[in-house]
Protein backbone atom coordinates (compact mmCIF):
# COMPACT_ATOMS: atom_id res chain seq x y z
CA UNK A 1 0.00 0.00 0.00
CA UNK A 2 1.24 3.48 -0.83
CA UNK A 3 2.00 5.72 2.15
CA UNK A 4 1.62 9.50 1.70
CA UNK A 5 4.58 11.82 2.27
CA UNK A 6 5.29 13.10 5.77
CA UNK A 7 4.21 16.66 4.88
CA UNK A 8 0.91 15.33 3.55
CA UNK A 9 0.42 13.26 6.71
CA UNK A 10 1.03 16.33 8.89
CA UNK A 11 -1.45 18.35 6.83
CA UNK A 12 -4.04 15.57 7.22
CA UNK A 13 -3.47 15.54 10.98
CA UNK A 14 -4.03 19.30 11.14
CA UNK A 15 -7.21 19.04 9.05
CA UNK A 16 -8.59 16.28 11.26
CA UNK A 17 -7.63 18.15 14.43
CA UNK A 18 -9.64 21.12 13.18
CA UNK A 19 -12.54 18.79 12.41
CA UNK A 20 -12.37 17.28 15.92
CA UNK A 21 -12.27 20.78 17.41
CA UNK A 22 -15.32 21.78 15.37
CA UNK A 23 -17.23 18.65 16.40
CA UNK A 24 -16.66 19.44 20.06
CA UNK A 25 -17.61 23.10 19.57
CA UNK A 26 -20.91 22.16 17.95
CA UNK A 27 -21.59 19.52 20.63
CA UNK A 28 -20.98 22.14 23.32
CA UNK A 29 -23.21 24.61 21.49
CA UNK A 30 -25.98 21.99 21.27
CA UNK A 31 -25.77 21.22 24.97
CA UNK A 32 -25.86 24.91 25.90
CA UNK A 33 -28.84 25.38 23.59
CA UNK A 34 -30.62 22.45 25.27
CA UNK A 35 -30.05 23.93 28.74
CA UNK A 36 -31.10 27.46 27.76
CA UNK A 37 -34.11 26.18 25.82
CA UNK A 38 -35.06 23.82 28.66
CA UNK A 39 -35.48 20.91 26.27
CA UNK A 40 -37.49 17.97 27.53
CA UNK A 41 -36.11 14.44 27.53
CA UNK A 42 -37.52 13.50 24.13
CA UNK A 43 -36.26 16.74 22.59
CA UNK A 44 -32.77 16.02 23.90
CA UNK A 45 -32.86 12.47 22.53
CA UNK A 46 -34.03 13.73 19.13
CA UNK A 47 -31.41 16.49 19.17
CA UNK A 48 -28.64 14.03 20.07
CA UNK A 49 -29.77 11.62 17.35
CA UNK A 50 -29.88 14.33 14.68
CA UNK A 51 -26.53 15.70 15.84
CA UNK A 52 -24.88 12.29 15.60
CA UNK A 53 -26.40 11.53 12.20
CA UNK A 54 -25.36 14.90 10.75
CA UNK A 55 -21.82 14.59 12.07
CA UNK A 56 -21.54 10.98 10.90
CA UNK A 57 -22.26 12.10 7.34
CA UNK A 58 -19.98 15.13 7.67
CA UNK A 59 -17.15 13.02 9.14
CA UNK A 60 -17.48 10.52 6.29
CA UNK A 61 -17.25 13.37 3.78
CA UNK A 62 -14.22 14.80 5.59
CA UNK A 63 -12.53 11.37 5.52
CA UNK A 64 -13.20 11.19 1.79
CA UNK A 65 -11.76 14.67 1.25
CA UNK A 66 -8.73 14.37 3.52
CA UNK A 67 -7.51 10.85 2.83
CA UNK A 68 -9.58 9.43 0.02
CA UNK A 69 -11.71 7.45 2.45
CA UNK A 70 -8.84 5.65 4.16
CA UNK A 71 -8.95 5.75 7.93
CA UNK A 72 -5.36 5.75 9.10
CA UNK A 73 -4.22 5.81 12.72
CA UNK A 74 -2.69 9.30 12.53
CA UNK A 75 -5.92 10.70 11.10
CA UNK A 76 -7.91 9.29 14.03
CA UNK A 77 -5.27 10.62 16.44
CA UNK A 78 -5.59 14.05 14.83
CA UNK A 79 -9.36 13.95 15.29
CA UNK A 80 -9.03 12.88 18.93
CA UNK A 81 -6.30 15.47 19.50
CA UNK A 82 -8.50 18.28 18.21
CA UNK A 83 -11.34 17.14 20.47
CA UNK A 84 -8.96 16.98 23.46
CA UNK A 85 -7.59 20.46 22.76
CA UNK A 86 -11.13 21.83 22.76
CA UNK A 87 -12.11 20.02 25.97
CA UNK A 88 -9.00 20.94 27.94
CA UNK A 89 -8.13 24.40 26.67
CA UNK A 90 -11.01 26.05 24.81
CA UNK A 91 -14.23 24.90 26.48
CA UNK A 92 -14.18 27.31 29.41
CA UNK A 93 -13.07 30.24 27.28
CA UNK A 94 -15.80 29.72 24.69
CA UNK A 95 -18.63 29.17 27.19
CA UNK A 96 -19.74 32.81 26.99
CA UNK A 97 -19.68 32.82 23.19
CA UNK A 98 -21.75 29.63 23.07
CA UNK A 99 -24.33 31.11 25.46
CA UNK A 100 -24.45 34.33 23.44
CA UNK A 101 -24.93 32.42 20.17
CA UNK A 102 -27.62 30.20 21.73
CA UNK A 103 -29.68 33.19 22.81
C-alpha atoms as a PDB file:
ATOM      1  CA  UNK A   1       0.000   0.000   0.000  1.00  0.00           C
ATOM      2  CA  UNK A   2       1.238   3.476  -0.830  1.00  0.00           C
ATOM      3  CA  UNK A   3       2.005   5.724   2.147  1.00  0.00           C
ATOM      4  CA  UNK A   4       1.621   9.495   1.696  1.00  0.00           C
ATOM      5  CA  UNK A   5       4.583  11.819   2.269  1.00  0.00           C
ATOM      6  CA  UNK A   6       5.289  13.103   5.774  1.00  0.00           C
ATOM      7  CA  UNK A   7       4.214  16.661   4.879  1.00  0.00           C
ATOM      8  CA  UNK A   8       0.912  15.325   3.548  1.00  0.00           C
ATOM      9  CA  UNK A   9       0.419  13.260   6.708  1.00  0.00           C
ATOM     10  CA  UNK A  10       1.028  16.327   8.886  1.00  0.00           C
ATOM     11  CA  UNK A  11      -1.448  18.350   6.834  1.00  0.00           C
ATOM     12  CA  UNK A  12      -4.040  15.567   7.217  1.00  0.00           C
ATOM     13  CA  UNK A  13      -3.469  15.536  10.982  1.00  0.00           C
ATOM     14  CA  UNK A  14      -4.034  19.305  11.138  1.00  0.00           C
ATOM     15  CA  UNK A  15      -7.209  19.038   9.053  1.00  0.00           C
ATOM     16  CA  UNK A  16      -8.591  16.282  11.260  1.00  0.00           C
ATOM     17  CA  UNK A  17      -7.629  18.154  14.433  1.00  0.00           C
ATOM     18  CA  UNK A  18      -9.644  21.122  13.178  1.00  0.00           C
ATOM     19  CA  UNK A  19     -12.535  18.786  12.406  1.00  0.00           C
ATOM     20  CA  UNK A  20     -12.372  17.283  15.916  1.00  0.00           C
ATOM     21  CA  UNK A  21     -12.265  20.776  17.411  1.00  0.00           C
ATOM     22  CA  UNK A  22     -15.320  21.779  15.370  1.00  0.00           C
ATOM     23  CA  UNK A  23     -17.231  18.654  16.397  1.00  0.00           C
ATOM     24  CA  UNK A  24     -16.661  19.441  20.065  1.00  0.00           C
ATOM     25  CA  UNK A  25     -17.606  23.100  19.570  1.00  0.00           C
ATOM     26  CA  UNK A  26     -20.909  22.159  17.952  1.00  0.00           C
ATOM     27  CA  UNK A  27     -21.590  19.524  20.631  1.00  0.00           C
ATOM     28  CA  UNK A  28     -20.985  22.141  23.320  1.00  0.00           C
ATOM     29  CA  UNK A  29     -23.209  24.615  21.488  1.00  0.00           C
ATOM     30  CA  UNK A  30     -25.982  21.994  21.266  1.00  0.00           C
ATOM     31  CA  UNK A  31     -25.773  21.216  24.971  1.00  0.00           C
ATOM     32  CA  UNK A  32     -25.862  24.913  25.898  1.00  0.00           C
ATOM     33  CA  UNK A  33     -28.845  25.383  23.590  1.00  0.00           C
ATOM     34  CA  UNK A  34     -30.619  22.451  25.269  1.00  0.00           C
ATOM     35  CA  UNK A  35     -30.046  23.933  28.737  1.00  0.00           C
ATOM     36  CA  UNK A  36     -31.103  27.457  27.761  1.00  0.00           C
ATOM     37  CA  UNK A  37     -34.105  26.177  25.817  1.00  0.00           C
ATOM     38  CA  UNK A  38     -35.058  23.818  28.656  1.00  0.00           C
ATOM     39  CA  UNK A  39     -35.475  20.911  26.269  1.00  0.00           C
ATOM     40  CA  UNK A  40     -37.494  17.970  27.526  1.00  0.00           C
ATOM     41  CA  UNK A  41     -36.105  14.442  27.531  1.00  0.00           C
ATOM     42  CA  UNK A  42     -37.519  13.502  24.125  1.00  0.00           C
ATOM     43  CA  UNK A  43     -36.262  16.738  22.593  1.00  0.00           C
ATOM     44  CA  UNK A  44     -32.767  16.025  23.899  1.00  0.00           C
ATOM     45  CA  UNK A  45     -32.859  12.473  22.533  1.00  0.00           C
ATOM     46  CA  UNK A  46     -34.035  13.729  19.128  1.00  0.00           C
ATOM     47  CA  UNK A  47     -31.409  16.487  19.172  1.00  0.00           C
ATOM     48  CA  UNK A  48     -28.644  14.028  20.070  1.00  0.00           C
ATOM     49  CA  UNK A  49     -29.773  11.617  17.353  1.00  0.00           C
ATOM     50  CA  UNK A  50     -29.878  14.325  14.683  1.00  0.00           C
ATOM     51  CA  UNK A  51     -26.529  15.700  15.843  1.00  0.00           C
ATOM     52  CA  UNK A  52     -24.875  12.286  15.598  1.00  0.00           C
ATOM     53  CA  UNK A  53     -26.400  11.530  12.202  1.00  0.00           C
ATOM     54  CA  UNK A  54     -25.364  14.896  10.751  1.00  0.00           C
ATOM     55  CA  UNK A  55     -21.819  14.594  12.067  1.00  0.00           C
ATOM     56  CA  UNK A  56     -21.535  10.977  10.902  1.00  0.00           C
ATOM     57  CA  UNK A  57     -22.263  12.099   7.342  1.00  0.00           C
ATOM     58  CA  UNK A  58     -19.979  15.126   7.673  1.00  0.00           C
ATOM     59  CA  UNK A  59     -17.154  13.024   9.136  1.00  0.00           C
ATOM     60  CA  UNK A  60     -17.484  10.525   6.290  1.00  0.00           C
ATOM     61  CA  UNK A  61     -17.255  13.370   3.779  1.00  0.00           C
ATOM     62  CA  UNK A  62     -14.218  14.800   5.591  1.00  0.00           C
ATOM     63  CA  UNK A  63     -12.532  11.373   5.522  1.00  0.00           C
ATOM     64  CA  UNK A  64     -13.198  11.195   1.791  1.00  0.00           C
ATOM     65  CA  UNK A  65     -11.764  14.671   1.247  1.00  0.00           C
ATOM     66  CA  UNK A  66      -8.734  14.369   3.524  1.00  0.00           C
ATOM     67  CA  UNK A  67      -7.506  10.853   2.827  1.00  0.00           C
ATOM     68  CA  UNK A  68      -9.580   9.430   0.016  1.00  0.00           C
ATOM     69  CA  UNK A  69     -11.713   7.446   2.447  1.00  0.00           C
ATOM     70  CA  UNK A  70      -8.839   5.650   4.159  1.00  0.00           C
ATOM     71  CA  UNK A  71      -8.950   5.747   7.931  1.00  0.00           C
ATOM     72  CA  UNK A  72      -5.359   5.747   9.104  1.00  0.00           C
ATOM     73  CA  UNK A  73      -4.215   5.808  12.721  1.00  0.00           C
ATOM     74  CA  UNK A  74      -2.691   9.299  12.529  1.00  0.00           C
ATOM     75  CA  UNK A  75      -5.922  10.700  11.102  1.00  0.00           C
ATOM     76  CA  UNK A  76      -7.909   9.286  14.028  1.00  0.00           C
ATOM     77  CA  UNK A  77      -5.269  10.618  16.441  1.00  0.00           C
ATOM     78  CA  UNK A  78      -5.589  14.051  14.829  1.00  0.00           C
ATOM     79  CA  UNK A  79      -9.365  13.951  15.292  1.00  0.00           C
ATOM     80  CA  UNK A  80      -9.031  12.876  18.932  1.00  0.00           C
ATOM     81  CA  UNK A  81      -6.299  15.473  19.499  1.00  0.00           C
ATOM     82  CA  UNK A  82      -8.504  18.275  18.208  1.00  0.00           C
ATOM     83  CA  UNK A  83     -11.337  17.139  20.470  1.00  0.00           C
ATOM     84  CA  UNK A  84      -8.960  16.984  23.456  1.00  0.00           C
ATOM     85  CA  UNK A  85      -7.593  20.456  22.758  1.00  0.00           C
ATOM     86  CA  UNK A  86     -11.130  21.829  22.759  1.00  0.00           C
ATOM     87  CA  UNK A  87     -12.108  20.024  25.966  1.00  0.00           C
ATOM     88  CA  UNK A  88      -9.003  20.937  27.944  1.00  0.00           C
ATOM     89  CA  UNK A  89      -8.132  24.403  26.670  1.00  0.00           C
ATOM     90  CA  UNK A  90     -11.012  26.050  24.811  1.00  0.00           C
ATOM     91  CA  UNK A  91     -14.233  24.897  26.480  1.00  0.00           C
ATOM     92  CA  UNK A  92     -14.180  27.308  29.415  1.00  0.00           C
ATOM     93  CA  UNK A  93     -13.069  30.243  27.282  1.00  0.00           C
ATOM     94  CA  UNK A  94     -15.801  29.723  24.692  1.00  0.00           C
ATOM     95  CA  UNK A  95     -18.633  29.170  27.190  1.00  0.00           C
ATOM     96  CA  UNK A  96     -19.741  32.805  26.989  1.00  0.00           C
ATOM     97  CA  UNK A  97     -19.676  32.821  23.194  1.00  0.00           C
ATOM     98  CA  UNK A  98     -21.753  29.629  23.073  1.00  0.00           C
ATOM     99  CA  UNK A  99     -24.330  31.109  25.458  1.00  0.00           C
ATOM    100  CA  UNK A 100     -24.449  34.332  23.442  1.00  0.00           C
ATOM    101  CA  UNK A 101     -24.926  32.421  20.174  1.00  0.00           C
ATOM    102  CA  UNK A 102     -27.618  30.195  21.727  1.00  0.00           C
ATOM    103  CA  UNK A 103     -29.678  33.190  22.807  1.00  0.00           C
END
